[in-house]
């Protein structure tokens, strides 16, 4: 039985999350401009603040196909034209390399194009620190979260 969500349990994780994680990923979206989908990130959720600090979203690149479709040259140019920002969620173990250790050719081609651009390629934490330091503190209300959750659910249908 799982007791991690029970504050009275020795396995409770909430206090550790608050102490050790500045940012917690919440939603993923299919578009490349993550900031367009979640313009308030990183944000605080007052009713969850006891066990969390900041929340953020990411663009969905979970599988090879999703990641490769996300970072096409067309999408990269779109992101640049929008002066956007992309934080990608992925699992590189999901088909990016074949059984012989060869990187998927389309992924490699798209990544080479991406690396040729004049982008700011840093870990998500550094991006989120930058956003957090260059904006007002963002506490979001339940109404915002309801609208945000609805947008996320709708994209999954």
N, C-alpha and C. Protein backbone atom coordinates (compact mmCIF):
# COMPACT_ATOMS: atom_id res chain seq x y z
N UNK A 1 0.84 -1.18 0.00
CA UNK A 1 0.00 0.00 0.00
C UNK A 1 0.89 1.25 0.00
N UNK A 2 0.43 2.29 -0.66
CA UNK A 2 1.17 3.54 -0.80
C UNK A 2 0.72 4.55 0.26
N UNK A 3 1.69 5.13 0.98
CA UNK A 3 1.37 6.10 2.03
C UNK A 3 2.07 7.44 1.81
N UNK A 4 2.65 7.65 0.63
CA UNK A 4 3.41 8.87 0.36
C UNK A 4 2.62 10.15 0.44
N UNK A 5 1.30 10.08 0.24
CA UNK A 5 0.46 11.28 0.29
C UNK A 5 -0.10 11.55 1.69
N UNK A 6 0.19 10.68 2.63
CA UNK A 6 -0.32 10.82 4.00
C UNK A 6 0.71 11.56 4.86
N UNK A 7 0.42 12.80 5.29
CA UNK A 7 1.39 13.58 6.07
C UNK A 7 1.83 12.91 7.38
N UNK A 8 1.07 11.95 7.87
CA UNK A 8 1.44 11.27 9.12
C UNK A 8 2.33 10.05 8.88
N UNK A 9 2.55 9.70 7.62
CA UNK A 9 3.32 8.51 7.28
C UNK A 9 4.82 8.82 7.20
N UNK A 10 5.65 7.82 7.51
CA UNK A 10 7.10 7.96 7.35
C UNK A 10 7.47 8.08 5.88
N UNK A 11 6.61 7.61 4.97
CA UNK A 11 6.88 7.69 3.54
C UNK A 11 6.39 8.99 2.91
N UNK A 12 5.86 9.89 3.70
CA UNK A 12 5.32 11.15 3.16
C UNK A 12 6.42 11.91 2.42
N UNK A 13 6.08 12.43 1.26
CA UNK A 13 7.06 13.09 0.41
C UNK A 13 6.91 14.61 0.35
N UNK A 14 5.78 15.17 0.78
CA UNK A 14 5.51 16.60 0.60
C UNK A 14 6.55 17.51 1.21
N UNK A 15 6.98 17.23 2.44
CA UNK A 15 7.98 18.08 3.07
C UNK A 15 9.31 18.00 2.34
N UNK A 16 9.65 16.83 1.80
CA UNK A 16 10.89 16.69 1.05
C UNK A 16 10.82 17.42 -0.29
N UNK A 17 9.67 17.38 -0.93
CA UNK A 17 9.49 18.11 -2.18
C UNK A 17 9.68 19.60 -1.95
N UNK A 18 9.09 20.13 -0.92
CA UNK A 18 9.22 21.56 -0.59
C UNK A 18 10.68 21.92 -0.32
N UNK A 19 11.37 21.06 0.39
CA UNK A 19 12.75 21.34 0.78
C UNK A 19 13.74 21.21 -0.38
N UNK A 20 13.55 20.22 -1.25
CA UNK A 20 14.57 19.88 -2.24
C UNK A 20 14.26 20.28 -3.68
N UNK A 21 13.01 20.60 -3.98
CA UNK A 21 12.65 20.93 -5.36
C UNK A 21 12.10 22.34 -5.45
N UNK A 22 12.81 23.19 -6.17
CA UNK A 22 12.32 24.55 -6.36
C UNK A 22 11.18 24.56 -7.37
N UNK A 23 11.28 23.72 -8.40
CA UNK A 23 10.29 23.70 -9.47
C UNK A 23 9.71 22.29 -9.64
N UNK A 24 8.40 22.23 -9.85
CA UNK A 24 7.72 20.97 -10.11
C UNK A 24 6.97 21.11 -11.43
N UNK A 25 7.20 20.15 -12.34
CA UNK A 25 6.50 20.20 -13.63
C UNK A 25 5.07 19.74 -13.44
N UNK A 26 4.18 20.47 -14.08
CA UNK A 26 2.76 20.15 -14.00
C UNK A 26 2.28 19.64 -15.35
N UNK A 27 1.87 20.51 -16.23
CA UNK A 27 1.26 20.11 -17.50
C UNK A 27 2.29 20.04 -18.63
N UNK A 28 1.94 19.24 -19.65
CA UNK A 28 2.69 19.22 -20.90
C UNK A 28 1.74 19.61 -22.02
N UNK A 29 2.30 20.30 -23.02
CA UNK A 29 1.51 20.74 -24.17
C UNK A 29 2.21 20.33 -25.45
N UNK A 30 1.43 20.22 -26.54
CA UNK A 30 1.98 19.73 -27.80
C UNK A 30 2.72 20.78 -28.61
N UNK A 31 2.51 22.05 -28.35
CA UNK A 31 3.17 23.10 -29.13
C UNK A 31 4.58 23.37 -28.66
N UNK A 32 5.35 24.02 -29.53
CA UNK A 32 6.76 24.27 -29.22
C UNK A 32 6.97 25.45 -28.28
N UNK A 33 6.08 26.42 -28.29
CA UNK A 33 6.27 27.61 -27.46
C UNK A 33 5.61 27.40 -26.09
N UNK A 34 6.35 26.81 -25.18
CA UNK A 34 5.82 26.47 -23.86
C UNK A 34 5.28 27.70 -23.15
N UNK A 35 5.97 28.81 -23.30
CA UNK A 35 5.57 30.04 -22.61
C UNK A 35 4.23 30.57 -23.13
N UNK A 36 3.91 30.27 -24.37
CA UNK A 36 2.60 30.66 -24.92
C UNK A 36 1.47 29.92 -24.19
N UNK A 37 1.71 28.66 -23.86
CA UNK A 37 0.69 27.86 -23.16
C UNK A 37 0.63 28.18 -21.67
N UNK A 38 1.78 28.54 -21.11
CA UNK A 38 1.86 28.78 -19.66
C UNK A 38 2.62 30.09 -19.41
N UNK A 39 2.00 31.23 -19.71
CA UNK A 39 2.70 32.52 -19.60
C UNK A 39 3.03 32.94 -18.17
N UNK A 40 2.45 32.29 -17.19
CA UNK A 40 2.71 32.68 -15.80
C UNK A 40 3.81 31.84 -15.15
N UNK A 41 4.37 30.89 -15.88
CA UNK A 41 5.37 30.04 -15.24
C UNK A 41 6.67 30.80 -15.00
N UNK A 42 7.37 30.46 -13.96
CA UNK A 42 6.98 29.59 -12.86
C UNK A 42 6.03 30.32 -11.92
N UNK A 43 5.10 29.59 -11.37
CA UNK A 43 4.10 30.21 -10.51
C UNK A 43 3.92 29.40 -9.24
N UNK A 44 3.34 30.05 -8.25
CA UNK A 44 3.03 29.39 -6.98
C UNK A 44 1.52 29.13 -6.94
N UNK A 45 1.16 28.04 -6.30
CA UNK A 45 -0.24 27.70 -6.09
C UNK A 45 -0.48 27.80 -4.59
N UNK A 46 -1.14 28.89 -4.13
CA UNK A 46 -1.27 29.12 -2.69
C UNK A 46 -1.81 27.93 -1.90
N UNK A 47 -2.80 27.22 -2.41
CA UNK A 47 -3.36 26.10 -1.64
C UNK A 47 -2.46 24.85 -1.66
N UNK A 48 -1.36 24.89 -2.43
CA UNK A 48 -0.40 23.79 -2.45
C UNK A 48 0.96 24.21 -1.91
N UNK A 49 1.05 25.45 -1.46
CA UNK A 49 2.35 26.02 -1.10
C UNK A 49 3.01 25.36 0.12
N UNK A 50 2.24 24.70 0.94
CA UNK A 50 2.82 24.04 2.11
C UNK A 50 3.84 22.98 1.68
N UNK A 51 3.60 22.34 0.53
CA UNK A 51 4.47 21.25 0.09
C UNK A 51 5.09 21.46 -1.29
N UNK A 52 5.02 22.67 -1.82
CA UNK A 52 5.63 22.94 -3.12
C UNK A 52 6.10 24.38 -3.18
N UNK A 53 6.99 24.64 -4.11
CA UNK A 53 7.48 26.00 -4.33
C UNK A 53 6.86 26.55 -5.61
N UNK A 54 7.51 26.30 -6.74
CA UNK A 54 7.01 26.81 -8.02
C UNK A 54 6.60 25.66 -8.93
N UNK A 55 5.66 25.97 -9.82
CA UNK A 55 5.16 25.02 -10.81
C UNK A 55 5.46 25.55 -12.20
N UNK A 56 5.64 24.63 -13.16
CA UNK A 56 5.88 25.04 -14.55
C UNK A 56 5.33 23.98 -15.49
N UNK A 57 5.25 24.33 -16.76
CA UNK A 57 4.79 23.41 -17.80
C UNK A 57 5.94 23.10 -18.75
N UNK A 58 5.68 22.16 -19.64
CA UNK A 58 6.68 21.83 -20.66
C UNK A 58 5.98 21.47 -21.96
N UNK A 59 6.77 21.45 -23.02
CA UNK A 59 6.29 20.96 -24.30
C UNK A 59 6.52 19.45 -24.32
N UNK A 60 5.58 18.73 -24.91
CA UNK A 60 5.59 17.27 -24.84
C UNK A 60 6.46 16.65 -25.93
N UNK A 61 7.57 16.07 -25.52
CA UNK A 61 8.44 15.32 -26.41
C UNK A 61 8.71 13.95 -25.82
N UNK A 62 7.69 13.36 -25.23
CA UNK A 62 7.83 12.12 -24.46
C UNK A 62 8.46 10.99 -25.27
N UNK A 63 8.04 10.82 -26.50
CA UNK A 63 8.55 9.73 -27.33
C UNK A 63 9.41 10.30 -28.46
N UNK A 64 10.11 9.43 -29.16
CA UNK A 64 10.91 9.84 -30.30
C UNK A 64 10.07 10.61 -31.31
N UNK A 65 8.91 10.06 -31.65
CA UNK A 65 8.05 10.71 -32.65
C UNK A 65 7.59 12.09 -32.18
N UNK A 66 7.15 12.19 -30.94
CA UNK A 66 6.69 13.48 -30.42
C UNK A 66 7.83 14.49 -30.36
N UNK A 67 8.99 14.06 -29.91
CA UNK A 67 10.14 14.96 -29.82
C UNK A 67 10.57 15.42 -31.20
N UNK A 68 10.69 14.47 -32.13
CA UNK A 68 11.12 14.80 -33.49
C UNK A 68 10.13 15.72 -34.19
N UNK A 69 8.84 15.48 -33.99
CA UNK A 69 7.81 16.36 -34.56
C UNK A 69 7.86 17.75 -33.93
N UNK A 70 8.22 17.81 -32.67
CA UNK A 70 8.27 19.09 -31.96
C UNK A 70 9.41 19.97 -32.44
N UNK A 71 10.58 19.38 -32.71
CA UNK A 71 11.76 20.19 -33.03
C UNK A 71 12.08 20.20 -34.53
N UNK A 72 11.06 20.21 -35.35
CA UNK A 72 11.29 20.34 -36.79
C UNK A 72 11.85 21.74 -37.07
N UNK A 73 12.59 21.90 -38.16
CA UNK A 73 13.06 23.25 -38.52
C UNK A 73 11.92 24.27 -38.60
N UNK A 74 10.77 23.85 -39.13
CA UNK A 74 9.62 24.75 -39.22
C UNK A 74 9.20 25.23 -37.83
N UNK A 75 9.11 24.32 -36.87
CA UNK A 75 8.73 24.70 -35.51
C UNK A 75 9.79 25.56 -34.83
N UNK A 76 11.05 25.25 -35.07
CA UNK A 76 12.14 26.05 -34.48
C UNK A 76 12.06 27.48 -35.01
N UNK A 77 11.83 27.63 -36.30
CA UNK A 77 11.71 28.98 -36.89
C UNK A 77 10.48 29.69 -36.33
N UNK A 78 9.40 28.97 -36.15
CA UNK A 78 8.18 29.54 -35.55
C UNK A 78 8.48 30.03 -34.13
N UNK A 79 9.19 29.23 -33.36
CA UNK A 79 9.55 29.62 -31.99
C UNK A 79 10.41 30.88 -32.00
N UNK A 80 11.36 30.94 -32.89
CA UNK A 80 12.21 32.14 -33.00
C UNK A 80 11.38 33.36 -33.39
N UNK A 81 10.50 33.21 -34.37
CA UNK A 81 9.67 34.33 -34.83
C UNK A 81 8.75 34.84 -33.73
N UNK A 82 8.35 33.96 -32.82
CA UNK A 82 7.48 34.35 -31.70
C UNK A 82 8.29 34.84 -30.49
N UNK A 83 9.63 34.85 -30.63
CA UNK A 83 10.49 35.15 -29.47
C UNK A 83 10.06 34.29 -28.29
N UNK A 84 9.83 33.02 -28.57
CA UNK A 84 9.28 32.11 -27.58
C UNK A 84 10.31 31.40 -26.74
N UNK A 85 9.81 30.46 -25.99
CA UNK A 85 10.63 29.69 -25.06
C UNK A 85 10.09 28.27 -25.04
N UNK A 86 10.99 27.31 -25.03
CA UNK A 86 10.57 25.91 -25.04
C UNK A 86 11.32 25.13 -23.97
N UNK A 87 10.57 24.48 -23.11
CA UNK A 87 11.11 23.51 -22.17
C UNK A 87 10.50 22.18 -22.59
N UNK A 88 11.34 21.24 -22.99
CA UNK A 88 10.84 19.96 -23.50
C UNK A 88 10.96 18.88 -22.44
N UNK A 89 9.88 18.14 -22.30
CA UNK A 89 9.84 16.95 -21.45
C UNK A 89 10.04 15.74 -22.36
N UNK A 90 11.01 14.88 -22.04
CA UNK A 90 11.24 13.69 -22.85
C UNK A 90 11.84 12.56 -22.03
N UNK A 91 11.88 11.40 -22.65
CA UNK A 91 12.59 10.23 -22.13
C UNK A 91 13.46 9.72 -23.28
N UNK A 92 14.75 9.99 -23.23
CA UNK A 92 15.62 9.59 -24.33
C UNK A 92 15.75 8.08 -24.48
N UNK A 93 15.25 7.32 -23.55
CA UNK A 93 15.29 5.86 -23.66
C UNK A 93 14.19 5.32 -24.58
N UNK A 94 13.29 6.17 -25.02
CA UNK A 94 12.14 5.71 -25.80
C UNK A 94 12.39 5.78 -27.31
N UNK A 95 13.36 5.01 -27.79
CA UNK A 95 13.55 4.84 -29.22
C UNK A 95 14.47 5.83 -29.90
N UNK A 96 15.14 6.69 -29.18
CA UNK A 96 16.02 7.67 -29.80
C UNK A 96 17.28 7.02 -30.37
N UNK A 97 17.64 5.87 -29.82
CA UNK A 97 18.80 5.10 -30.28
C UNK A 97 18.33 3.67 -30.52
N UNK A 98 18.78 3.08 -31.64
CA UNK A 98 18.34 1.71 -31.93
C UNK A 98 19.18 0.68 -31.15
N UNK A 99 18.90 -0.59 -31.39
CA UNK A 99 19.58 -1.67 -30.67
C UNK A 99 21.09 -1.71 -30.93
N UNK A 100 21.52 -1.11 -32.03
CA UNK A 100 22.95 -1.09 -32.37
C UNK A 100 23.64 0.19 -31.87
N UNK A 101 22.89 1.03 -31.17
CA UNK A 101 23.47 2.27 -30.64
C UNK A 101 23.49 3.42 -31.62
N UNK A 102 22.73 3.30 -32.70
CA UNK A 102 22.68 4.35 -33.72
C UNK A 102 21.53 5.31 -33.42
N UNK A 103 21.86 6.60 -33.40
CA UNK A 103 20.86 7.63 -33.14
C UNK A 103 19.90 7.72 -34.32
N UNK A 104 18.62 7.86 -34.04
CA UNK A 104 17.61 7.99 -35.08
C UNK A 104 18.00 9.13 -36.02
N UNK A 105 18.04 8.87 -37.34
CA UNK A 105 18.52 9.88 -38.29
C UNK A 105 17.69 11.17 -38.33
N UNK A 106 16.36 11.07 -38.23
CA UNK A 106 15.55 12.29 -38.26
C UNK A 106 15.75 13.11 -36.99
N UNK A 107 15.83 12.45 -35.86
CA UNK A 107 16.12 13.14 -34.60
C UNK A 107 17.46 13.85 -34.70
N UNK A 108 18.46 13.14 -35.21
CA UNK A 108 19.80 13.72 -35.35
C UNK A 108 19.77 14.95 -36.27
N UNK A 109 19.08 14.82 -37.39
CA UNK A 109 18.99 15.93 -38.35
C UNK A 109 18.32 17.15 -37.71
N UNK A 110 17.21 16.92 -37.02
CA UNK A 110 16.50 18.04 -36.37
C UNK A 110 17.34 18.66 -35.26
N UNK A 111 18.04 17.83 -34.50
CA UNK A 111 18.87 18.34 -33.41
C UNK A 111 20.06 19.13 -33.96
N UNK A 112 20.62 18.69 -35.07
CA UNK A 112 21.71 19.44 -35.70
C UNK A 112 21.22 20.80 -36.17
N UNK A 113 20.01 20.85 -36.74
CA UNK A 113 19.45 22.14 -37.14
C UNK A 113 19.26 23.03 -35.92
N UNK A 114 18.68 22.47 -34.88
CA UNK A 114 18.47 23.24 -33.65
C UNK A 114 19.78 23.79 -33.11
N UNK A 115 20.81 22.97 -33.09
CA UNK A 115 22.10 23.41 -32.53
C UNK A 115 22.78 24.47 -33.39
N UNK A 116 22.36 24.60 -34.65
CA UNK A 116 22.95 25.62 -35.53
C UNK A 116 22.32 27.00 -35.29
N UNK A 117 21.25 27.04 -34.54
CA UNK A 117 20.54 28.30 -34.30
C UNK A 117 21.18 29.04 -33.13
N UNK A 118 20.90 30.33 -33.06
CA UNK A 118 21.46 31.17 -32.00
C UNK A 118 20.51 31.17 -30.81
N UNK A 119 20.35 30.00 -30.20
CA UNK A 119 19.43 29.86 -29.08
C UNK A 119 20.15 29.87 -27.75
N UNK A 120 19.38 29.92 -26.70
CA UNK A 120 19.90 29.83 -25.34
C UNK A 120 19.57 28.44 -24.85
N UNK A 121 20.53 27.53 -24.90
CA UNK A 121 20.31 26.12 -24.59
C UNK A 121 20.88 25.81 -23.21
N UNK A 122 20.02 25.81 -22.22
CA UNK A 122 20.42 25.60 -20.83
C UNK A 122 19.42 24.68 -20.15
N UNK A 123 19.77 24.14 -18.98
CA UNK A 123 18.81 23.30 -18.25
C UNK A 123 17.55 24.08 -17.86
N UNK A 124 16.46 23.36 -17.70
CA UNK A 124 15.17 23.98 -17.37
C UNK A 124 15.26 24.85 -16.12
N UNK A 125 15.99 24.39 -15.11
CA UNK A 125 16.11 25.16 -13.87
C UNK A 125 16.68 26.54 -14.10
N UNK A 126 17.65 26.64 -15.00
CA UNK A 126 18.25 27.94 -15.30
C UNK A 126 17.25 28.86 -16.01
N UNK A 127 16.49 28.31 -16.92
CA UNK A 127 15.45 29.09 -17.61
C UNK A 127 14.41 29.57 -16.59
N UNK A 128 13.97 28.67 -15.74
CA UNK A 128 12.94 29.02 -14.75
C UNK A 128 13.47 30.02 -13.74
N UNK A 129 14.73 29.90 -13.34
CA UNK A 129 15.34 30.91 -12.46
C UNK A 129 15.33 32.28 -13.13
N UNK A 130 15.65 32.31 -14.42
CA UNK A 130 15.65 33.57 -15.18
C UNK A 130 14.24 34.17 -15.21
N UNK A 131 13.25 33.35 -15.56
CA UNK A 131 11.88 33.85 -15.61
C UNK A 131 11.42 34.34 -14.24
N UNK A 132 11.75 33.59 -13.21
CA UNK A 132 11.32 33.94 -11.86
C UNK A 132 11.97 35.24 -11.40
N UNK A 133 13.22 35.46 -11.77
CA UNK A 133 13.92 36.67 -11.33
C UNK A 133 13.54 37.91 -12.15
N UNK A 134 12.91 37.71 -13.30
CA UNK A 134 12.55 38.83 -14.17
C UNK A 134 11.04 39.07 -14.22
N UNK A 135 10.35 38.67 -13.20
CA UNK A 135 8.91 38.90 -13.17
C UNK A 135 8.46 39.09 -11.73
N UNK A 136 7.25 39.58 -11.61
CA UNK A 136 6.67 39.70 -10.27
C UNK A 136 6.38 38.29 -9.76
N UNK A 137 6.35 38.16 -8.46
CA UNK A 137 5.99 36.86 -7.89
C UNK A 137 4.59 36.49 -8.36
N UNK A 138 4.44 35.28 -8.81
CA UNK A 138 3.18 34.87 -9.42
C UNK A 138 2.47 33.84 -8.57
N UNK A 139 1.48 34.29 -7.86
CA UNK A 139 0.56 33.37 -7.19
C UNK A 139 -0.66 33.27 -8.08
N UNK A 140 -1.03 32.06 -8.45
CA UNK A 140 -2.20 31.91 -9.31
C UNK A 140 -3.39 31.48 -8.48
N UNK A 141 -4.53 31.96 -8.90
CA UNK A 141 -5.78 31.66 -8.21
C UNK A 141 -6.41 30.39 -8.78
N UNK A 142 -7.35 29.83 -8.06
CA UNK A 142 -8.02 28.61 -8.52
C UNK A 142 -8.72 28.82 -9.85
N UNK A 143 -9.24 30.02 -10.10
CA UNK A 143 -9.92 30.30 -11.37
C UNK A 143 -8.93 30.16 -12.54
N UNK A 144 -7.72 30.66 -12.36
CA UNK A 144 -6.70 30.52 -13.40
C UNK A 144 -6.37 29.04 -13.61
N UNK A 145 -6.19 28.32 -12.51
CA UNK A 145 -5.85 26.90 -12.62
C UNK A 145 -6.96 26.10 -13.28
N UNK A 146 -8.21 26.44 -13.00
CA UNK A 146 -9.34 25.75 -13.63
C UNK A 146 -9.31 25.97 -15.13
N UNK A 147 -9.09 27.20 -15.55
CA UNK A 147 -9.01 27.52 -16.98
C UNK A 147 -7.81 26.82 -17.61
N UNK A 148 -6.70 26.85 -16.93
CA UNK A 148 -5.47 26.23 -17.39
C UNK A 148 -5.64 24.71 -17.50
N UNK A 149 -6.23 24.09 -16.49
CA UNK A 149 -6.47 22.65 -16.51
C UNK A 149 -7.41 22.27 -17.65
N UNK A 150 -8.42 23.10 -17.89
CA UNK A 150 -9.37 22.84 -18.98
C UNK A 150 -8.67 22.85 -20.33
N UNK A 151 -7.77 23.82 -20.52
CA UNK A 151 -7.00 23.91 -21.76
C UNK A 151 -6.15 22.64 -21.93
N UNK A 152 -5.56 22.17 -20.85
CA UNK A 152 -4.72 20.98 -20.88
C UNK A 152 -5.55 19.73 -21.19
N UNK A 153 -6.70 19.61 -20.54
CA UNK A 153 -7.58 18.46 -20.77
C UNK A 153 -8.07 18.46 -22.22
N UNK A 154 -8.46 19.63 -22.71
CA UNK A 154 -8.99 19.75 -24.07
C UNK A 154 -7.96 19.29 -25.10
N UNK A 155 -6.69 19.62 -24.90
CA UNK A 155 -5.66 19.22 -25.87
C UNK A 155 -5.46 17.71 -25.88
N UNK A 156 -5.83 17.04 -24.79
CA UNK A 156 -5.67 15.59 -24.70
C UNK A 156 -6.80 14.81 -25.35
N UNK A 157 -7.88 15.49 -25.69
CA UNK A 157 -9.03 14.79 -26.29
C UNK A 157 -8.83 14.54 -27.77
